[in-house]
Protein backbone atom coordinates (compact mmCIF):
# COMPACT_ATOMS: atom_id res chain seq x y z
CA UNK A 1 0.00 0.00 0.00
CA UNK A 2 1.09 3.53 -0.81
CA UNK A 3 0.01 7.06 -0.04
CA UNK A 4 -1.83 9.07 -2.68
CA UNK A 5 -3.02 12.48 -1.47
CA UNK A 6 -2.43 11.38 2.14
CA UNK A 7 -4.66 8.30 1.73
CA UNK A 8 -3.48 4.71 1.87
CA UNK A 9 -4.21 2.98 -1.42
CA UNK A 10 -3.40 -0.41 -2.86
CA UNK A 11 -2.92 -1.61 -6.42
CA UNK A 12 -4.99 -4.25 -8.15
CA UNK A 13 -5.99 -5.25 -11.68
CA UNK A 14 -9.25 -7.07 -12.32
CA UNK A 15 -10.28 -8.30 -15.78
CA UNK A 16 -13.85 -9.46 -16.39
CA UNK A 17 -14.33 -11.77 -19.41
CA UNK A 18 -11.74 -9.75 -21.40
CA UNK A 19 -14.46 -7.10 -21.79
CA UNK A 20 -13.61 -4.76 -18.94
CA UNK A 21 -10.70 -3.89 -16.66
CA UNK A 22 -10.75 -2.24 -13.25
CA UNK A 23 -7.36 -0.92 -12.07
CA UNK A 24 -6.75 0.64 -8.66
CA UNK A 25 -3.71 2.62 -7.59
CA UNK A 26 -3.67 4.68 -10.81
CA UNK A 27 -2.11 8.13 -10.53
CA UNK A 28 -2.22 9.30 -14.16
CA UNK A 29 -3.43 8.35 -17.64
CA UNK A 30 -0.42 9.10 -19.85
CA UNK A 31 -1.98 8.48 -23.28
CA UNK A 32 -4.87 6.61 -24.83
CA UNK A 33 -6.55 5.67 -28.07
CA UNK A 34 -8.85 2.82 -29.08
CA UNK A 35 -6.05 0.20 -29.12
CA UNK A 36 -3.66 1.26 -26.32
CA UNK A 37 -4.04 2.95 -22.94
CA UNK A 38 -0.83 3.89 -21.12
CA UNK A 39 -1.03 4.82 -17.47
CA UNK A 40 1.06 5.38 -14.38
CA UNK A 41 0.24 3.46 -11.22
CA UNK A 42 1.79 3.26 -7.79
CA UNK A 43 3.53 0.08 -9.01
CA UNK A 44 4.92 1.64 -12.22
CA UNK A 45 3.79 2.22 -15.77
CA UNK A 46 1.15 -0.06 -17.31
CA UNK A 47 0.05 -0.53 -20.91
CA UNK A 48 -3.38 -1.98 -21.71
CA UNK A 49 -3.79 -3.21 -25.30
CA UNK A 50 -6.92 -4.27 -27.12
CA UNK A 51 -9.63 -3.22 -29.54
CA UNK A 52 -12.26 -0.50 -29.18
CA UNK A 53 -10.85 0.46 -25.77
CA UNK A 54 -12.75 3.14 -23.92
CA UNK A 55 -12.08 4.74 -20.54
CA UNK A 56 -15.47 4.57 -18.87
CA UNK A 57 -14.34 6.30 -15.68
CA UNK A 58 -11.22 7.58 -13.96
CA UNK A 59 -11.38 8.90 -10.41
CA UNK A 60 -7.97 10.46 -9.92
CA UNK A 61 -8.71 11.28 -6.27
CA UNK A 62 -8.98 7.61 -5.31
CA UNK A 63 -6.90 6.19 -8.19
CA UNK A 64 -9.54 3.97 -9.83
CA UNK A 65 -9.65 3.48 -13.62
CA UNK A 66 -12.29 1.50 -15.53
CA UNK A 67 -11.79 0.44 -19.15
CA UNK A 68 -14.13 -1.39 -21.53
CA UNK A 69 -13.42 -3.03 -24.90
CA UNK A 70 -11.81 -6.26 -26.06
CA UNK A 71 -8.72 -6.70 -23.86
CA UNK A 72 -5.69 -8.34 -25.53
CA UNK A 73 -3.13 -7.78 -22.78
CA UNK A 74 -1.89 -5.82 -19.80
CA UNK A 75 1.84 -5.21 -19.43
CA UNK A 76 3.88 -3.57 -16.68
CA UNK A 77 6.64 -1.47 -18.26
CA UNK A 78 10.00 -1.31 -16.51
CA UNK A 79 11.46 2.19 -16.16
CA UNK A 80 14.47 1.20 -18.26
CA UNK A 81 12.17 0.25 -21.17
CA UNK A 82 10.44 3.62 -21.17
CA UNK A 83 13.59 5.73 -20.85
CA UNK A 84 14.04 6.24 -24.58
CA UNK A 85 16.09 3.26 -25.69
CA UNK A 86 19.52 3.05 -27.25
CA UNK A 87 19.97 6.62 -28.50
CA UNK A 88 18.93 8.30 -25.27
CA UNK A 89 21.56 6.26 -23.43
CA UNK A 90 24.16 7.01 -26.10
CA UNK A 91 23.70 10.78 -25.89
CA UNK A 92 23.48 11.20 -22.10
């Protein structure tokens, strides 16, 4: 459990029949379209992939995100993977 706005919150991901996802512990939606939703959670960055994805609700105060659509996968992204790759390391 972590603190978000002085409240203890936990992180969980719940998928229902590959048609909806409920994620807790979300601090920010980074980007989204109908095939990919990228977000930041208390456990790191997450990418949700699928078809006809739609954010049905996002309560930033409590960190709860609900997504509907056909879910293909949910991936946690390590910080090293999102840091820009080879060229960003080369030109540091």
